[in-house]
Structure formats: C-alpha cells, structure tokens
C-alpha cells in the first residue's frame, strides 16, 4: 500500500536528482513540507537517490509509472525550494495493454480533490461506455486524453515502451512535451499548433462531457 510520489530536485545544470516518497501522493502535502530547512520533508522523502542528473523528459518516460505513482513534485532549491506539484493520472483501464500511458496535471492542495474527483468520474463513465460497446477502448482513451488536456491543461506522456495489441487500429498517441512556464491566452492556445499543443490529434474539442459527480475510485480500475 501507500500513495507513491517522485520528488525531483533541480540542479544548477538544469538536470534533476530524483527521490521517492511512499506517502507523498496522498494529499500533495509535500508541496508545503519541503523547505530549505526541511528539504526531505522531515523524513517523508527517502534520502537515497532513485536517479541523478536526468532531464525532465526522462523523469516521465523512465521513472514516473502512472500505474504506480500518484504525484510528482519539481523542487527548485535555487528559488528557496519552490515546489510545483503535479497529480498523475493513469489513462488506461488495467487489462495489460499500453499500461504506460499517463498524464500529469499541475495543481495544489486546494484544488487537488476537485481534480481527482473529476478524473475518477470521467474515467469511470468511459469504462461504462466501453463495457456497453458504445466506444472502442482506443476511442475512449483518445477522448480521455483530450479532456485531460482541455479541462486542466494536462501533459500526456508514455512511460516505458507501449505495446499495441491492436495492430492497424490507427491510433497515434499525442506527442510528449513538457509545458514551459509561459502565460498564453485562450486565443493563442487556439492558434498555436506548436509543440505545446497537448491535445490528441483528431480531437475537435466538441465532444460532450462524459464526467459525472460520482466519487467511485475508477482511476486505476478495469471495467467489469
């Protein structure tokens, strides 16, 4: 058990040293507990390094398993240990296919429960739609990715090597890109088709909301 999280500390060379927290993914509390005086949050973060001198992209593709980890923290010691917290979302339904597809959503403790509830409800509703045969699993996943990007400006990524058991399905995952710290208006987001447009290809943004107010834990479960 546990609520696993990864904590990445930025180095002067702009690479990161990565550490592990067994309970850091529960309420994003580490965002407040990591300080210059308590860089390991009073023991909540393990001292041994998981990896050192790695890029942000490699944190996602090599270490942040969305089926295992629930949160990611980026810490900048150079700015008085400022912390950016991300909720990790698993974009699969647990049948062993493509289980490395995930997304990270920048959030904080005040908004985290809203994000988690929205994602669970949306994913659970889509699981029911798949079970009824109204959507293929691929179509449902593409819709889920689009909603995560549109509703919360999420960043979709692939952990490890994705295995496609449905050859010829024609589904191409969204390119993986880190969002930079730039402010953009809604108009700029609409006009920009560059590397920071995280919506899955083919999404026209006109789909109806599949979410509900349910709170059942559907974020890491498989349709029955």
Protein backbone atom coordinates (compact mmCIF):
# COMPACT_ATOMS: atom_id res chain seq x y z
CA UNK A 1 0.00 0.00 0.00
CA UNK A 2 0.94 3.64 0.04
CA UNK A 3 0.47 6.73 -2.10
CA UNK A 4 3.70 6.84 -4.04
CA UNK A 5 5.27 10.01 -5.39
CA UNK A 6 8.51 11.08 -7.02
CA UNK A 7 10.32 14.25 -5.98
CA UNK A 8 12.76 15.84 -8.44
CA UNK A 9 15.29 18.44 -7.25
CA UNK A 10 16.61 20.78 -9.90
CA UNK A 11 20.38 21.07 -10.11
CA UNK A 12 22.46 24.09 -11.23
CA UNK A 13 22.98 22.35 -14.59
CA UNK A 14 19.15 22.24 -15.05
CA UNK A 15 19.05 18.47 -14.70
CA UNK A 16 17.33 16.75 -11.78
CA UNK A 17 18.10 14.42 -8.89
CA UNK A 18 15.16 12.12 -8.22
CA UNK A 19 13.92 10.78 -4.88
CA UNK A 20 10.98 8.67 -3.73
CA UNK A 21 8.20 9.26 -1.20
CA UNK A 22 5.94 6.39 -0.15
CA UNK A 23 3.06 8.59 1.06
CA UNK A 24 3.70 11.82 -0.83
CA UNK A 25 0.92 11.22 -3.35
CA UNK A 26 -1.92 11.21 -0.83
CA UNK A 27 -2.78 14.90 -0.46
CA UNK A 28 0.10 16.76 -2.14
CA UNK A 29 1.17 17.80 1.36
CA UNK A 30 4.85 17.68 0.42
CA UNK A 31 4.37 20.92 -1.51
CA UNK A 32 4.14 22.68 1.87
CA UNK A 33 6.53 20.46 3.80
CA UNK A 34 9.56 20.80 1.50
CA UNK A 35 11.55 23.85 2.56
CA UNK A 36 15.17 24.96 2.73
CA UNK A 37 15.23 23.83 6.37
CA UNK A 38 13.50 20.51 5.62
CA UNK A 39 14.44 19.54 2.04
CA UNK A 40 13.35 15.94 2.67
CA UNK A 41 10.13 16.98 4.44
CA UNK A 42 11.21 15.65 7.84
CA UNK A 43 11.82 12.15 6.54
CA UNK A 44 8.75 11.88 4.30
CA UNK A 45 11.12 11.69 1.32
CA UNK A 46 13.69 8.90 1.14
CA UNK A 47 17.31 10.01 1.21
CA UNK A 48 18.77 7.62 -1.39
CA UNK A 49 18.52 8.79 -4.98
CA UNK A 50 16.32 6.97 -7.47
CA UNK A 51 18.28 8.62 -10.28
CA UNK A 52 20.62 11.56 -10.70
CA UNK A 53 21.41 14.06 -13.43
CA UNK A 54 18.33 13.33 -15.54
CA UNK A 55 16.19 15.59 -17.71
CA UNK A 56 12.54 16.35 -17.04
CA UNK A 57 11.51 14.27 -20.04
CA UNK A 58 13.32 11.23 -18.64
CA UNK A 59 11.56 11.65 -15.30
CA UNK A 60 8.32 10.91 -17.14
CA UNK A 61 9.41 8.29 -19.63
CA UNK A 62 11.87 6.37 -17.45
CA UNK A 63 10.59 6.71 -13.88
CA UNK A 64 7.05 8.09 -13.45
CA UNK A 65 4.92 4.96 -13.90
CA UNK A 66 1.32 6.28 -13.98
CA UNK A 67 0.02 2.90 -12.82
CA UNK A 68 2.16 3.13 -9.68
CA UNK A 69 2.80 6.78 -8.82
CA UNK A 70 0.13 9.29 -7.86
CA UNK A 71 2.08 12.55 -7.73
CA UNK A 72 5.20 14.32 -8.96
CA UNK A 73 6.96 17.26 -7.32
CA UNK A 74 9.52 19.50 -9.00
CA UNK A 75 11.67 21.36 -6.47
CA UNK A 76 13.95 24.31 -7.26
CA UNK A 77 16.46 24.82 -4.43
CA UNK A 78 17.77 27.95 -6.17
CA UNK A 79 14.45 29.74 -5.59
CA UNK A 80 14.12 28.98 -1.88
CA UNK A 81 12.89 25.44 -2.56
CA UNK A 82 9.86 26.46 -4.58
CA UNK A 83 7.72 23.40 -5.33
CA UNK A 84 5.48 22.64 -8.31
CA UNK A 85 3.08 19.76 -7.62
CA UNK A 86 1.51 17.53 -10.27
CA UNK A 87 -1.26 14.97 -9.96
CA UNK A 88 -0.53 11.83 -12.01
CA UNK A 89 -3.44 10.33 -13.98
CA UNK A 90 -3.39 6.83 -15.43
CA UNK A 91 -5.05 6.82 -18.86
CA UNK A 92 -5.71 3.07 -19.06
CA UNK A 93 -8.13 0.53 -17.62
CA UNK A 94 -5.82 -2.16 -16.31
CA UNK A 95 -6.01 -5.02 -18.80
CA UNK A 96 -2.29 -5.08 -19.53
CA UNK A 97 -2.34 -3.18 -22.83
CA UNK A 98 -0.46 0.11 -23.13
CA UNK A 99 -0.43 0.49 -19.36
CA UNK A 100 2.26 3.18 -19.53
CA UNK A 101 0.03 5.94 -20.88
CA UNK A 102 -0.41 8.72 -18.35
CA UNK A 103 -0.77 12.44 -17.79
CA UNK A 104 0.37 14.99 -15.23
CA UNK A 105 -1.82 17.90 -14.14
CA UNK A 106 -0.34 20.89 -12.32
CA UNK A 107 -2.39 21.54 -9.19
CA UNK A 108 -2.19 22.40 -5.48
CA UNK A 109 -3.69 21.09 -2.25
CA UNK A 110 -6.76 23.34 -2.51
CA UNK A 111 -7.74 22.12 -5.98
CA UNK A 112 -6.37 18.59 -5.84
CA UNK A 113 -9.52 16.87 -4.61
CA UNK A 114 -11.56 18.53 -7.37
CA UNK A 115 -9.09 17.30 -9.99
CA UNK A 116 -9.08 13.76 -8.59
CA UNK A 117 -12.86 13.56 -8.33
CA UNK A 118 -13.30 14.87 -11.88
CA UNK A 119 -10.81 12.38 -13.30
CA UNK A 120 -12.28 9.40 -11.43
CA UNK A 121 -15.79 10.27 -12.54
CA UNK A 122 -14.81 10.82 -16.18
CA UNK A 123 -12.78 7.63 -16.37
CA UNK A 124 -15.47 5.56 -14.65
CA UNK A 125 -18.13 6.89 -17.03
CA UNK A 126 -15.94 5.97 -20.00
CA UNK A 127 -15.40 2.48 -18.57
CA UNK A 128 -19.17 2.01 -18.58
CA UNK A 129 -19.38 3.27 -22.17
CA UNK A 130 -16.68 0.77 -23.21
CA UNK A 131 -18.49 -2.04 -21.39
CA UNK A 132 -21.72 -1.24 -23.24
CA UNK A 133 -19.89 -1.33 -26.57
CA UNK A 134 -20.68 2.27 -27.46
CA UNK A 135 -16.99 3.19 -27.82
CA UNK A 136 -13.86 1.21 -28.53
CA UNK A 137 -11.15 1.31 -25.90
CA UNK A 138 -8.95 3.31 -28.26
CA UNK A 139 -11.63 5.91 -28.90
CA UNK A 140 -12.36 6.20 -25.18
CA UNK A 141 -8.67 6.68 -24.41
CA UNK A 142 -8.34 9.38 -27.07
CA UNK A 143 -11.36 11.15 -25.59
CA UNK A 144 -9.97 10.88 -22.06
CA UNK A 145 -6.63 12.32 -23.16
CA UNK A 146 -8.39 15.21 -24.89
CA UNK A 147 -10.48 16.01 -21.81
CA UNK A 148 -7.44 15.99 -19.50
CA UNK A 149 -5.65 18.41 -21.82
CA UNK A 150 -8.63 20.70 -22.37
CA UNK A 151 -10.07 20.82 -18.85
CA UNK A 152 -6.82 21.04 -16.86
CA UNK A 153 -4.07 21.74 -19.41
CA UNK A 154 -2.64 18.32 -18.64
CA UNK A 155 0.51 16.89 -20.17
CA UNK A 156 0.15 13.42 -21.70
CA UNK A 157 3.17 11.10 -21.79
CA UNK A 158 4.18 7.47 -22.25
CA UNK A 159 6.11 5.62 -19.57
CA UNK A 160 8.35 2.85 -20.87
CA UNK A 161 7.52 1.10 -24.12
CA UNK A 162 3.88 0.98 -25.16
CA UNK A 163 2.77 -2.33 -26.68
CA UNK A 164 -0.07 -2.11 -29.18
CA UNK A 165 -2.05 -5.34 -29.26
CA UNK A 166 -4.50 -3.88 -31.77
CA UNK A 167 -2.37 -3.62 -34.88
CA UNK A 168 -3.88 -1.44 -37.56
CA UNK A 169 -6.12 0.33 -35.06
CA UNK A 170 -4.91 3.67 -36.44
CA UNK A 171 -4.44 5.31 -33.05
CA UNK A 172 -1.45 7.61 -32.71
CA UNK A 173 -0.73 8.87 -29.16
CA UNK A 174 -0.19 12.55 -28.54
CA UNK A 175 3.46 13.66 -28.82
CA UNK A 176 5.01 14.04 -25.38
CA UNK A 177 6.11 17.55 -24.43
CA UNK A 178 6.78 19.35 -21.18
CA UNK A 179 4.79 22.52 -20.69
CA UNK A 180 7.04 25.52 -20.18
CA UNK A 181 6.24 28.26 -17.67
CA UNK A 182 4.72 30.66 -20.19
CA UNK A 183 1.43 32.51 -19.98
CA UNK A 184 -0.78 32.14 -23.03
CA UNK A 185 -4.27 33.41 -23.74
CA UNK A 186 -7.12 31.18 -24.93
CA UNK A 187 -6.78 32.77 -28.37
CA UNK A 188 -3.08 31.90 -28.51
CA UNK A 189 -3.84 28.31 -27.47
CA UNK A 190 -6.35 28.06 -30.30
CA UNK A 191 -3.96 29.45 -32.90
CA UNK A 192 -0.87 27.58 -31.70
CA UNK A 193 -0.32 24.19 -33.29
CA UNK A 194 3.23 24.02 -31.99
CA UNK A 195 4.93 21.65 -29.52
CA UNK A 196 2.89 22.79 -26.51
CA UNK A 197 -0.48 21.83 -28.02
CA UNK A 198 -1.11 18.66 -25.99
CA UNK A 199 -4.48 17.66 -27.41
CA UNK A 200 -4.58 14.27 -29.15
CA UNK A 201 -4.59 14.52 -32.92
CA UNK A 202 -8.03 14.44 -34.47
CA UNK A 203 -9.79 15.97 -31.44
CA UNK A 204 -12.08 18.83 -32.40
CA UNK A 205 -12.94 19.84 -28.85
CA UNK A 206 -16.68 19.40 -29.44
CA UNK A 207 -17.31 16.17 -27.52
CA UNK A 208 -19.85 16.20 -24.72
CA UNK A 209 -18.65 15.90 -21.13
CA UNK A 210 -18.59 12.27 -20.08
CA UNK A 211 -17.92 13.09 -16.44
CA UNK A 212 -20.32 12.96 -13.53
CA UNK A 213 -20.23 13.88 -9.86
CA UNK A 214 -19.57 10.29 -8.79
CA UNK A 215 -16.70 9.62 -6.46
CA UNK A 216 -16.08 5.93 -7.10
CA UNK A 217 -12.41 5.19 -7.46
CA UNK A 218 -12.21 4.47 -11.18
CA UNK A 219 -8.83 5.95 -11.92
CA UNK A 220 -6.89 2.67 -11.66
CA UNK A 221 -9.61 0.08 -12.18
CA UNK A 222 -10.69 -2.14 -15.06
CA UNK A 223 -14.21 -2.31 -16.48
CA UNK A 224 -16.02 -5.33 -15.05
